[in-house]
Amino acid sequence: MIRLFYLVSSIDSAKEISDDLHEHEVTDWRFHIVSKDEAGLYTHQLHTASILDRTDLPRYVERGAITGFVLALAFIVPMALLEVLAMPAAAWIALFIFVVVAGAWVGGFGGIQSENYRLEPFHQDIEAGKYLIMVDAPKDHIPKVKELMAKNHPEAKLQGQDSSFNNPFAGKRRRKIKQA
């Protein structure tokens, strides 16, 4: 899936885009709107981005799980193989799983407090009152979506595109994600 990012200035434009996308069988699961005017989005019955889309929670949970896995490999596995403690194999496996899950849990604390790395380039626009519309589409539908948006909604400026899947190793983003 590819995520397309569009910016619009008015909630009426966002509503028209939402209605148009619904007419072309794009479900609410495939597009999200980020705005500081959450009440306006609710009033206009627009699909807002979830906490998973607005925060870096998924990416930090993945990072934490990876860190927990590496730590478990580095410490738990050698202890189990060297039989440092007399514990059954099931206990070592449970301890391994616990360390991975604990890493994911601790990682989540950082992620819930951080803005999603894909939204950072648009932070100033969102704070200025603009509406960021994120449309997820399979690769082969991207030209249709771009054509639909360009034809019916020229006020919506395509800002870029990126994968809709999280990358736990992604770094800071520039203003443009990828040129469309």
N, C-alpha and C. Protein backbone atom coordinates (compact mmCIF):
# COMPACT_ATOMS: atom_id res chain seq x y z
N MET A 1 0.83 -1.18 0.00
CA MET A 1 0.00 0.00 0.00
C MET A 1 0.88 1.25 0.00
N ILE A 2 0.42 2.22 -0.74
CA ILE A 2 1.09 3.50 -0.82
C ILE A 2 0.17 4.55 -0.19
N ARG A 3 0.76 5.43 0.59
CA ARG A 3 -0.01 6.51 1.22
C ARG A 3 0.31 7.81 0.50
N LEU A 4 -0.75 8.47 0.00
CA LEU A 4 -0.63 9.78 -0.64
C LEU A 4 -1.02 10.85 0.37
N PHE A 5 -0.27 11.95 0.39
CA PHE A 5 -0.51 13.04 1.33
C PHE A 5 -0.97 14.28 0.57
N TYR A 6 -2.14 14.78 0.95
CA TYR A 6 -2.70 16.00 0.36
C TYR A 6 -2.98 17.01 1.46
N LEU A 7 -2.75 18.27 1.15
CA LEU A 7 -3.09 19.36 2.07
C LEU A 7 -4.20 20.20 1.47
N VAL A 8 -5.19 20.52 2.29
CA VAL A 8 -6.25 21.45 1.88
C VAL A 8 -6.43 22.48 2.98
N SER A 9 -7.00 23.60 2.61
CA SER A 9 -7.12 24.72 3.56
C SER A 9 -8.44 24.78 4.29
N SER A 10 -9.49 24.14 3.74
CA SER A 10 -10.80 24.28 4.38
C SER A 10 -11.41 22.92 4.69
N ILE A 11 -12.26 22.93 5.70
CA ILE A 11 -12.95 21.69 6.08
C ILE A 11 -14.00 21.32 5.03
N ASP A 12 -14.54 22.32 4.34
CA ASP A 12 -15.51 22.03 3.28
C ASP A 12 -14.84 21.25 2.14
N SER A 13 -13.63 21.64 1.82
CA SER A 13 -12.88 20.91 0.79
C SER A 13 -12.58 19.49 1.25
N ALA A 14 -12.22 19.33 2.52
CA ALA A 14 -11.96 17.98 3.06
C ALA A 14 -13.23 17.14 3.00
N LYS A 15 -14.37 17.75 3.27
CA LYS A 15 -15.66 17.03 3.22
C LYS A 15 -15.97 16.61 1.79
N GLU A 16 -15.75 17.50 0.82
CA GLU A 16 -15.99 17.15 -0.58
C GLU A 16 -15.08 16.01 -1.03
N ILE A 17 -13.83 16.06 -0.61
CA ILE A 17 -12.89 14.98 -0.97
C ILE A 17 -13.34 13.68 -0.33
N SER A 18 -13.77 13.73 0.92
CA SER A 18 -14.25 12.54 1.60
C SER A 18 -15.45 11.93 0.87
N ASP A 19 -16.40 12.77 0.51
CA ASP A 19 -17.58 12.30 -0.22
C ASP A 19 -17.20 11.71 -1.57
N ASP A 20 -16.30 12.38 -2.27
CA ASP A 20 -15.85 11.90 -3.58
C ASP A 20 -15.13 10.55 -3.45
N LEU A 21 -14.28 10.42 -2.45
CA LEU A 21 -13.57 9.15 -2.25
C LEU A 21 -14.56 8.03 -1.91
N HIS A 22 -15.56 8.34 -1.10
CA HIS A 22 -16.59 7.34 -0.80
C HIS A 22 -17.33 6.91 -2.06
N GLU A 23 -17.65 7.87 -2.93
CA GLU A 23 -18.33 7.54 -4.19
C GLU A 23 -17.50 6.62 -5.07
N HIS A 24 -16.18 6.73 -4.95
CA HIS A 24 -15.27 5.89 -5.74
C HIS A 24 -14.78 4.69 -4.95
N GLU A 25 -15.59 4.30 -3.95
CA GLU A 25 -15.39 3.08 -3.17
C GLU A 25 -14.08 3.04 -2.38
N VAL A 26 -13.63 4.20 -1.94
CA VAL A 26 -12.51 4.26 -1.01
C VAL A 26 -13.14 4.36 0.38
N THR A 27 -12.91 3.35 1.19
CA THR A 27 -13.54 3.29 2.51
C THR A 27 -12.79 4.16 3.52
N ASP A 28 -13.43 4.36 4.66
CA ASP A 28 -12.81 5.14 5.73
C ASP A 28 -11.50 4.51 6.21
N TRP A 29 -11.36 3.22 6.03
CA TRP A 29 -10.13 2.54 6.44
C TRP A 29 -8.96 2.92 5.53
N ARG A 30 -9.26 3.50 4.37
CA ARG A 30 -8.23 3.81 3.39
C ARG A 30 -7.85 5.30 3.34
N PHE A 31 -8.55 6.12 4.08
CA PHE A 31 -8.13 7.53 4.13
C PHE A 31 -8.38 8.10 5.52
N HIS A 32 -7.51 9.02 5.91
CA HIS A 32 -7.54 9.60 7.23
C HIS A 32 -7.27 11.10 7.10
N ILE A 33 -7.86 11.86 7.99
CA ILE A 33 -7.66 13.31 7.97
C ILE A 33 -7.07 13.73 9.31
N VAL A 34 -6.00 14.50 9.24
CA VAL A 34 -5.36 15.03 10.44
C VAL A 34 -5.57 16.54 10.45
N SER A 35 -6.05 17.03 11.58
CA SER A 35 -6.29 18.45 11.75
C SER A 35 -6.25 18.78 13.23
N LYS A 36 -5.95 20.02 13.54
CA LYS A 36 -6.03 20.42 14.95
C LYS A 36 -7.49 20.68 15.33
N ASP A 37 -8.38 20.77 14.33
CA ASP A 37 -9.81 20.99 14.56
C ASP A 37 -10.54 19.64 14.62
N GLU A 38 -10.29 18.90 15.68
CA GLU A 38 -10.92 17.58 15.82
C GLU A 38 -12.45 17.69 15.92
N ALA A 39 -12.92 18.73 16.59
CA ALA A 39 -14.36 18.92 16.75
C ALA A 39 -15.02 19.17 15.39
N GLY A 40 -14.37 19.94 14.53
CA GLY A 40 -14.90 20.20 13.20
C GLY A 40 -14.97 18.94 12.36
N LEU A 41 -13.95 18.11 12.47
CA LEU A 41 -13.96 16.83 11.74
C LEU A 41 -15.11 15.96 12.22
N TYR A 42 -15.32 15.94 13.53
CA TYR A 42 -16.41 15.15 14.10
C TYR A 42 -17.75 15.70 13.65
N THR A 43 -17.91 17.02 13.68
CA THR A 43 -19.17 17.66 13.27
C THR A 43 -19.50 17.35 11.81
N HIS A 44 -18.48 17.35 10.96
CA HIS A 44 -18.68 17.08 9.54
C HIS A 44 -18.64 15.58 9.21
N GLN A 45 -18.55 14.76 10.24
CA GLN A 45 -18.52 13.30 10.10
C GLN A 45 -17.40 12.84 9.17
N LEU A 46 -16.21 13.41 9.40
CA LEU A 46 -15.04 13.02 8.62
C LEU A 46 -14.19 12.05 9.42
N HIS A 47 -13.58 11.13 8.72
CA HIS A 47 -12.78 10.08 9.36
C HIS A 47 -11.43 10.64 9.79
N THR A 48 -11.25 10.80 11.09
CA THR A 48 -9.99 11.34 11.61
C THR A 48 -8.95 10.23 11.69
N ALA A 49 -7.72 10.64 11.71
CA ALA A 49 -6.63 9.69 11.88
C ALA A 49 -6.67 9.14 13.30
N SER A 50 -6.40 7.86 13.43
CA SER A 50 -6.40 7.23 14.74
C SER A 50 -5.14 7.59 15.50
N ILE A 51 -5.08 7.19 16.74
CA ILE A 51 -3.90 7.44 17.56
C ILE A 51 -2.69 6.72 16.96
N LEU A 52 -2.92 5.61 16.27
CA LEU A 52 -1.83 4.89 15.63
C LEU A 52 -1.26 5.66 14.45
N ASP A 53 -2.09 6.48 13.80
CA ASP A 53 -1.64 7.31 12.69
C ASP A 53 -1.04 8.62 13.15
N ARG A 54 -1.50 9.14 14.29
CA ARG A 54 -1.03 10.44 14.77
C ARG A 54 0.24 10.34 15.62
N THR A 55 0.44 9.23 16.29
CA THR A 55 1.62 9.08 17.16
C THR A 55 2.58 8.05 16.55
N ASP A 56 3.73 7.97 17.14
CA ASP A 56 4.74 7.00 16.70
C ASP A 56 4.66 5.70 17.50
N LEU A 57 3.51 5.44 18.10
CA LEU A 57 3.34 4.25 18.93
C LEU A 57 3.72 2.95 18.22
N PRO A 58 3.20 2.67 17.02
CA PRO A 58 3.57 1.39 16.38
C PRO A 58 5.07 1.26 16.12
N ARG A 59 5.69 2.34 15.67
CA ARG A 59 7.11 2.29 15.34
C ARG A 59 7.96 2.09 16.59
N TYR A 60 7.63 2.75 17.68
CA TYR A 60 8.41 2.60 18.91
C TYR A 60 8.16 1.24 19.56
N VAL A 61 6.94 0.72 19.45
CA VAL A 61 6.68 -0.64 19.96
C VAL A 61 7.52 -1.65 19.18
N GLU A 62 7.58 -1.47 17.86
CA GLU A 62 8.43 -2.36 17.05
C GLU A 62 9.89 -2.24 17.45
N ARG A 63 10.36 -1.02 17.63
CA ARG A 63 11.75 -0.81 18.06
C ARG A 63 12.01 -1.46 19.41
N GLY A 64 11.08 -1.29 20.34
CA GLY A 64 11.24 -1.88 21.68
C GLY A 64 11.26 -3.39 21.63
N ALA A 65 10.40 -3.97 20.78
CA ALA A 65 10.37 -5.43 20.64
C ALA A 65 11.68 -5.95 20.04
N ILE A 66 12.20 -5.23 19.07
CA ILE A 66 13.48 -5.62 18.46
C ILE A 66 14.60 -5.53 19.50
N THR A 67 14.61 -4.46 20.27
CA THR A 67 15.62 -4.30 21.32
C THR A 67 15.49 -5.41 22.36
N GLY A 68 14.25 -5.71 22.78
CA GLY A 68 14.03 -6.80 23.73
C GLY A 68 14.48 -8.14 23.17
N PHE A 69 14.24 -8.37 21.89
CA PHE A 69 14.65 -9.62 21.24
C PHE A 69 16.18 -9.74 21.25
N VAL A 70 16.86 -8.65 20.91
CA VAL A 70 18.33 -8.66 20.89
C VAL A 70 18.88 -8.89 22.30
N LEU A 71 18.30 -8.21 23.29
CA LEU A 71 18.75 -8.41 24.67
C LEU A 71 18.50 -9.84 25.14
N ALA A 72 17.35 -10.38 24.78
CA ALA A 72 17.04 -11.76 25.17
C ALA A 72 18.02 -12.73 24.50
N LEU A 73 18.34 -12.48 23.25
CA LEU A 73 19.32 -13.32 22.56
C LEU A 73 20.69 -13.22 23.21
N ALA A 74 21.06 -12.02 23.63
CA ALA A 74 22.39 -11.79 24.18
C ALA A 74 22.54 -12.32 25.61
N PHE A 75 21.47 -12.32 26.39
CA PHE A 75 21.61 -12.69 27.80
C PHE A 75 20.86 -13.95 28.19
N ILE A 76 19.62 -14.09 27.77
CA ILE A 76 18.80 -15.23 28.20
C ILE A 76 19.26 -16.53 27.54
N VAL A 77 19.48 -16.48 26.23
CA VAL A 77 19.87 -17.71 25.52
C VAL A 77 21.20 -18.26 26.05
N PRO A 78 22.24 -17.42 26.20
CA PRO A 78 23.49 -17.98 26.76
C PRO A 78 23.31 -18.54 28.17
N MET A 79 22.51 -17.85 29.00
CA MET A 79 22.28 -18.36 30.35
C MET A 79 21.56 -19.70 30.32
N ALA A 80 20.62 -19.85 29.40
CA ALA A 80 19.90 -21.11 29.29
C ALA A 80 20.81 -22.22 28.78
N LEU A 81 21.64 -21.91 27.78
CA LEU A 81 22.53 -22.92 27.22
C LEU A 81 23.63 -23.34 28.19
N LEU A 82 24.10 -22.40 28.99
CA LEU A 82 25.15 -22.70 29.97
C LEU A 82 24.57 -23.24 31.28
N GLU A 83 23.26 -23.32 31.35
CA GLU A 83 22.55 -23.82 32.53
C GLU A 83 22.99 -23.11 33.80
N VAL A 84 23.02 -21.76 33.72
CA VAL A 84 23.40 -20.95 34.87
C VAL A 84 22.41 -21.16 36.01
N LEU A 85 21.15 -21.22 35.67
CA LEU A 85 20.10 -21.50 36.65
C LEU A 85 19.39 -22.79 36.25
N ALA A 86 19.03 -23.58 37.22
CA ALA A 86 18.34 -24.84 36.93
C ALA A 86 16.85 -24.55 36.77
N MET A 87 16.48 -24.24 35.53
CA MET A 87 15.07 -23.97 35.21
C MET A 87 14.68 -24.82 34.01
N PRO A 88 13.41 -25.22 33.95
CA PRO A 88 12.98 -25.98 32.78
C PRO A 88 12.99 -25.11 31.52
N ALA A 89 13.01 -25.74 30.37
CA ALA A 89 13.04 -25.03 29.09
C ALA A 89 11.86 -24.08 28.93
N ALA A 90 10.70 -24.50 29.41
CA ALA A 90 9.50 -23.65 29.31
C ALA A 90 9.70 -22.33 30.06
N ALA A 91 10.40 -22.37 31.18
CA ALA A 91 10.64 -21.15 31.95
C ALA A 91 11.59 -20.22 31.19
N TRP A 92 12.60 -20.78 30.53
CA TRP A 92 13.52 -19.96 29.74
C TRP A 92 12.79 -19.32 28.56
N ILE A 93 11.93 -20.10 27.93
CA ILE A 93 11.15 -19.57 26.81
C ILE A 93 10.23 -18.45 27.29
N ALA A 94 9.58 -18.67 28.43
CA ALA A 94 8.69 -17.64 28.99
C ALA A 94 9.48 -16.38 29.34
N LEU A 95 10.67 -16.54 29.88
CA LEU A 95 11.52 -15.40 30.22
C LEU A 95 11.94 -14.64 28.96
N PHE A 96 12.27 -15.39 27.91
CA PHE A 96 12.63 -14.80 26.61
C PHE A 96 11.47 -13.95 26.09
N ILE A 97 10.29 -14.54 26.08
CA ILE A 97 9.09 -13.83 25.60
C ILE A 97 8.81 -12.60 26.46
N PHE A 98 8.98 -12.75 27.76
CA PHE A 98 8.75 -11.62 28.67
C PHE A 98 9.67 -10.45 28.34
N VAL A 99 10.93 -10.72 28.08
CA VAL A 99 11.89 -9.65 27.77
C VAL A 99 11.51 -8.95 26.46
N VAL A 100 11.07 -9.72 25.47
CA VAL A 100 10.65 -9.12 24.19
C VAL A 100 9.41 -8.24 24.40
N VAL A 101 8.42 -8.77 25.12
CA VAL A 101 7.19 -8.02 25.36
C VAL A 101 7.47 -6.79 26.23
N ALA A 102 8.34 -6.92 27.22
CA ALA A 102 8.69 -5.77 28.07
C ALA A 102 9.37 -4.70 27.23
N GLY A 103 10.22 -5.10 26.31
CA GLY A 103 10.86 -4.12 25.42
C GLY A 103 9.83 -3.37 24.59
N ALA A 104 8.85 -4.11 24.07
CA ALA A 104 7.79 -3.47 23.27
C ALA A 104 6.98 -2.51 24.14
N TRP A 105 6.68 -2.92 25.36
CA TRP A 105 5.89 -2.10 26.27
C TRP A 105 6.62 -0.81 26.62
N VAL A 106 7.89 -0.93 26.95
CA VAL A 106 8.69 0.26 27.29
C VAL A 106 8.82 1.16 26.05
N GLY A 107 9.01 0.57 24.88
CA GLY A 107 9.08 1.36 23.65
C GLY A 107 7.81 2.15 23.40
N GLY A 108 6.68 1.57 23.76
CA GLY A 108 5.40 2.24 23.57
C GLY A 108 5.28 3.54 24.33
N PHE A 109 5.96 3.64 25.48
CA PHE A 109 5.93 4.89 26.25
C PHE A 109 6.51 6.05 25.45
N GLY A 110 7.59 5.78 24.74
CA GLY A 110 8.18 6.84 23.92
C GLY A 110 7.32 7.16 22.71
N GLY A 111 6.72 6.12 22.12
CA GLY A 111 5.93 6.31 20.92
C GLY A 111 4.64 7.06 21.13
N ILE A 112 4.01 6.85 22.27
CA ILE A 112 2.72 7.50 22.52
C ILE A 112 2.90 9.01 22.73
N GLN A 113 4.12 9.43 23.07
CA GLN A 113 4.39 10.83 23.30
C GLN A 113 4.96 11.54 22.08
N SER A 114 5.26 10.78 21.02
CA SER A 114 5.91 11.36 19.84
C SER A 114 4.94 11.45 18.67
N GLU A 115 5.06 12.53 17.94
CA GLU A 115 4.26 12.68 16.72
C GLU A 115 4.76 11.69 15.67
N ASN A 116 3.86 11.14 14.89
CA ASN A 116 4.23 10.17 13.86
C ASN A 116 5.28 10.78 12.94
N TYR A 117 6.29 10.00 12.65
CA TYR A 117 7.41 10.50 11.84
C TYR A 117 6.98 10.93 10.45
N ARG A 118 5.86 10.42 9.95
CA ARG A 118 5.36 10.85 8.65
C ARG A 118 4.63 12.19 8.72
N LEU A 119 4.14 12.54 9.90
CA LEU A 119 3.39 13.79 10.07
C LEU A 119 4.28 14.98 10.41
N GLU A 120 5.48 14.71 10.89
CA GLU A 120 6.39 15.81 11.28
C GLU A 120 6.60 16.85 10.19
N PRO A 121 6.76 16.43 8.91
CA PRO A 121 6.95 17.46 7.88
C PRO A 121 5.74 18.37 7.69
N PHE A 122 4.57 17.94 8.15
CA PHE A 122 3.34 18.71 7.97
C PHE A 122 2.89 19.40 9.25
N HIS A 123 3.68 19.31 10.29
CA HIS A 123 3.29 19.83 11.60
C HIS A 123 2.89 21.31 11.55
N GLN A 124 3.71 22.13 10.92
CA GLN A 124 3.42 23.57 10.87
C GLN A 124 2.14 23.85 10.08
N ASP A 125 1.92 23.11 8.99
CA ASP A 125 0.70 23.30 8.20
C ASP A 125 -0.54 22.92 9.01
N ILE A 126 -0.46 21.81 9.74
CA ILE A 126 -1.59 21.37 10.55
C ILE A 126 -1.86 22.38 11.65
N GLU A 127 -0.81 22.86 12.29
CA GLU A 127 -0.97 23.87 13.34
C GLU A 127 -1.52 25.18 12.78
N ALA A 128 -1.26 25.46 11.51
CA ALA A 128 -1.77 26.68 10.87
C ALA A 128 -3.23 26.53 10.45
N GLY A 129 -3.81 25.35 10.68
CA GLY A 129 -5.23 25.17 10.40
C GLY A 129 -5.54 24.40 9.13
N LYS A 130 -4.52 23.88 8.46
CA LYS A 130 -4.77 23.10 7.25
C LYS A 130 -5.16 21.67 7.62
N TYR A 131 -5.67 20.96 6.64
CA TYR A 131 -6.13 19.59 6.82
C TYR A 131 -5.26 18.68 5.97
N LEU A 132 -4.65 17.71 6.61
CA LEU A 132 -3.82 16.74 5.92
C LEU A 132 -4.67 15.51 5.65
N ILE A 133 -4.82 15.19 4.37
CA ILE A 133 -5.59 14.02 3.97
C ILE A 133 -4.62 12.95 3.51
N MET A 134 -4.71 11.79 4.14
CA MET A 134 -3.84 10.66 3.80
C MET A 134 -4.70 9.59 3.16
N VAL A 135 -4.38 9.24 1.92
CA VAL A 135 -5.14 8.24 1.17
C VAL A 135 -4.23 7.03 0.94
N ASP A 136 -4.68 5.87 1.39
CA ASP A 136 -3.94 4.62 1.18
C ASP A 136 -4.55 3.89 -0.01
N ALA A 137 -3.69 3.47 -0.92
CA ALA A 137 -4.17 2.76 -2.11
C ALA A 137 -3.12 1.74 -2.55
N PRO A 138 -3.58 0.64 -3.15
CA PRO A 138 -2.62 -0.30 -3.72
C PRO A 138 -1.84 0.38 -4.84
N LYS A 139 -0.64 -0.11 -5.11
CA LYS A 139 0.23 0.52 -6.10
C LYS A 139 -0.45 0.72 -7.45
N ASP A 140 -1.23 -0.25 -7.88
CA ASP A 140 -1.85 -0.15 -9.21
C ASP A 140 -3.02 0.84 -9.25
N HIS A 141 -3.52 1.29 -8.08
CA HIS A 141 -4.61 2.27 -8.05
C HIS A 141 -4.11 3.71 -7.87
N ILE A 142 -2.84 3.88 -7.65
CA ILE A 142 -2.28 5.22 -7.40
C ILE A 142 -2.57 6.19 -8.55
N PRO A 143 -2.34 5.80 -9.82
CA PRO A 143 -2.64 6.75 -10.90
C PRO A 143 -4.12 7.17 -10.93
N LYS A 144 -5.03 6.26 -10.61
CA LYS A 144 -6.46 6.60 -10.60
C LYS A 144 -6.76 7.61 -9.50
N VAL A 145 -6.18 7.39 -8.33
CA VAL A 145 -6.43 8.31 -7.21
C VAL A 145 -5.86 9.68 -7.53
N LYS A 146 -4.64 9.72 -8.05
CA LYS A 146 -4.02 11.01 -8.40
C LYS A 146 -4.84 11.74 -9.46
N GLU A 147 -5.33 11.00 -10.45
CA GLU A 147 -6.15 11.61 -11.51
C GLU A 147 -7.46 12.14 -10.93
N LEU A 148 -8.09 11.35 -10.08
CA LEU A 148 -9.35 11.77 -9.45
C LEU A 148 -9.15 13.05 -8.64
N MET A 149 -8.09 13.08 -7.86
CA MET A 149 -7.84 14.26 -7.02
C MET A 149 -7.48 15.48 -7.87
N ALA A 150 -6.66 15.29 -8.90
CA ALA A 150 -6.26 16.42 -9.74
C ALA A 150 -7.46 16.97 -10.52
N LYS A 151 -8.32 16.07 -10.99
CA LYS A 151 -9.47 16.47 -11.80
C LYS A 151 -10.57 17.12 -10.96
N ASN A 152 -10.93 16.48 -9.84
CA ASN A 152 -12.07 16.94 -9.05
C ASN A 152 -11.71 17.89 -7.92
N HIS A 153 -10.44 17.88 -7.50
CA HIS A 153 -10.04 18.68 -6.33
C HIS A 153 -8.68 19.34 -6.55
N PRO A 154 -8.62 20.28 -7.47
CA PRO A 154 -7.33 20.93 -7.74
C PRO A 154 -6.79 21.73 -6.54
N GLU A 155 -7.67 22.06 -5.60
CA GLU A 155 -7.21 22.80 -4.41
C GLU A 155 -6.39 21.91 -3.47
N ALA A 156 -6.53 20.60 -3.62
CA ALA A 156 -5.77 19.66 -2.79
C ALA A 156 -4.39 19.48 -3.41
N LYS A 157 -3.40 19.94 -2.71
CA LYS A 157 -2.03 19.88 -3.21
C LYS A 157 -1.37 18.57 -2.76
N LEU A 158 -0.94 17.78 -3.74
CA LEU A 158 -0.23 16.54 -3.43
C LEU A 158 1.13 16.89 -2.86
N GLN A 159 1.38 16.42 -1.64
CA GLN A 159 2.63 16.74 -0.95
C GLN A 159 3.68 15.64 -1.07
N GLY A 160 3.23 14.45 -1.42
CA GLY A 160 4.17 13.34 -1.55
C GLY A 160 3.49 12.01 -1.32
N GLN A 161 4.31 10.98 -1.32
CA GLN A 161 3.80 9.64 -1.08
C GLN A 161 4.84 8.83 -0.35
N ASP A 162 4.36 7.80 0.34
CA ASP A 162 5.23 6.94 1.12
C ASP A 162 4.50 5.62 1.32
N SER A 163 5.17 4.64 1.84
CA SER A 163 4.53 3.38 2.16
C SER A 163 3.58 3.60 3.33
N SER A 164 2.50 2.84 3.38
CA SER A 164 1.58 2.97 4.50
C SER A 164 2.01 2.09 5.67
N PHE A 165 3.08 1.32 5.50
CA PHE A 165 3.58 0.46 6.56
C PHE A 165 4.68 1.19 7.33
N ASN A 166 4.72 0.96 8.63
CA ASN A 166 5.72 1.60 9.48
C ASN A 166 7.09 1.02 9.24
N ASN A 167 8.09 1.87 9.33
CA ASN A 167 9.48 1.45 9.25
C ASN A 167 10.13 1.77 10.58
N PRO A 168 10.42 0.74 11.40
CA PRO A 168 10.98 1.03 12.72
C PRO A 168 12.36 1.68 12.67
N PHE A 169 13.02 1.63 11.51
CA PHE A 169 14.36 2.18 11.38
C PHE A 169 14.40 3.52 10.66
N ALA A 170 13.23 4.07 10.34
CA ALA A 170 13.17 5.34 9.60
C ALA A 170 13.72 6.47 10.45
N GLY A 171 14.39 7.39 9.78
CA GLY A 171 14.95 8.57 10.46
C GLY A 171 14.05 9.76 10.29
N LYS A 172 14.57 10.93 10.54
CA LYS A 172 13.81 12.18 10.39
C LYS A 172 13.40 12.37 8.94
N ARG A 173 12.23 12.96 8.76
CA ARG A 173 11.70 13.21 7.42
C ARG A 173 11.92 14.64 7.02
N ARG A 174 12.12 14.84 5.73
CA ARG A 174 12.18 16.19 5.19
C ARG A 174 10.76 16.67 4.88
N ARG A 175 10.64 17.89 4.40
CA ARG A 175 9.31 18.46 4.09
C ARG A 175 8.56 17.59 3.09
N LYS A 176 9.19 17.20 2.04
CA LYS A 176 8.53 16.35 1.05
C LYS A 176 8.93 14.91 1.35
N ILE A 177 7.95 14.04 1.35
CA ILE A 177 8.25 12.65 1.67
C ILE A 177 8.87 11.99 0.44
N LYS A 178 8.14 11.92 -0.63
CA LYS A 178 8.68 11.50 -1.94
C LYS A 178 7.93 12.32 -2.96
N GLN A 179 8.62 12.76 -3.93
CA GLN A 179 7.94 13.54 -4.95
C GLN A 179 6.93 12.66 -5.66
N ALA A 180 5.77 13.19 -5.88
CA ALA A 180 4.67 12.42 -6.47
C ALA A 180 4.89 12.22 -7.97
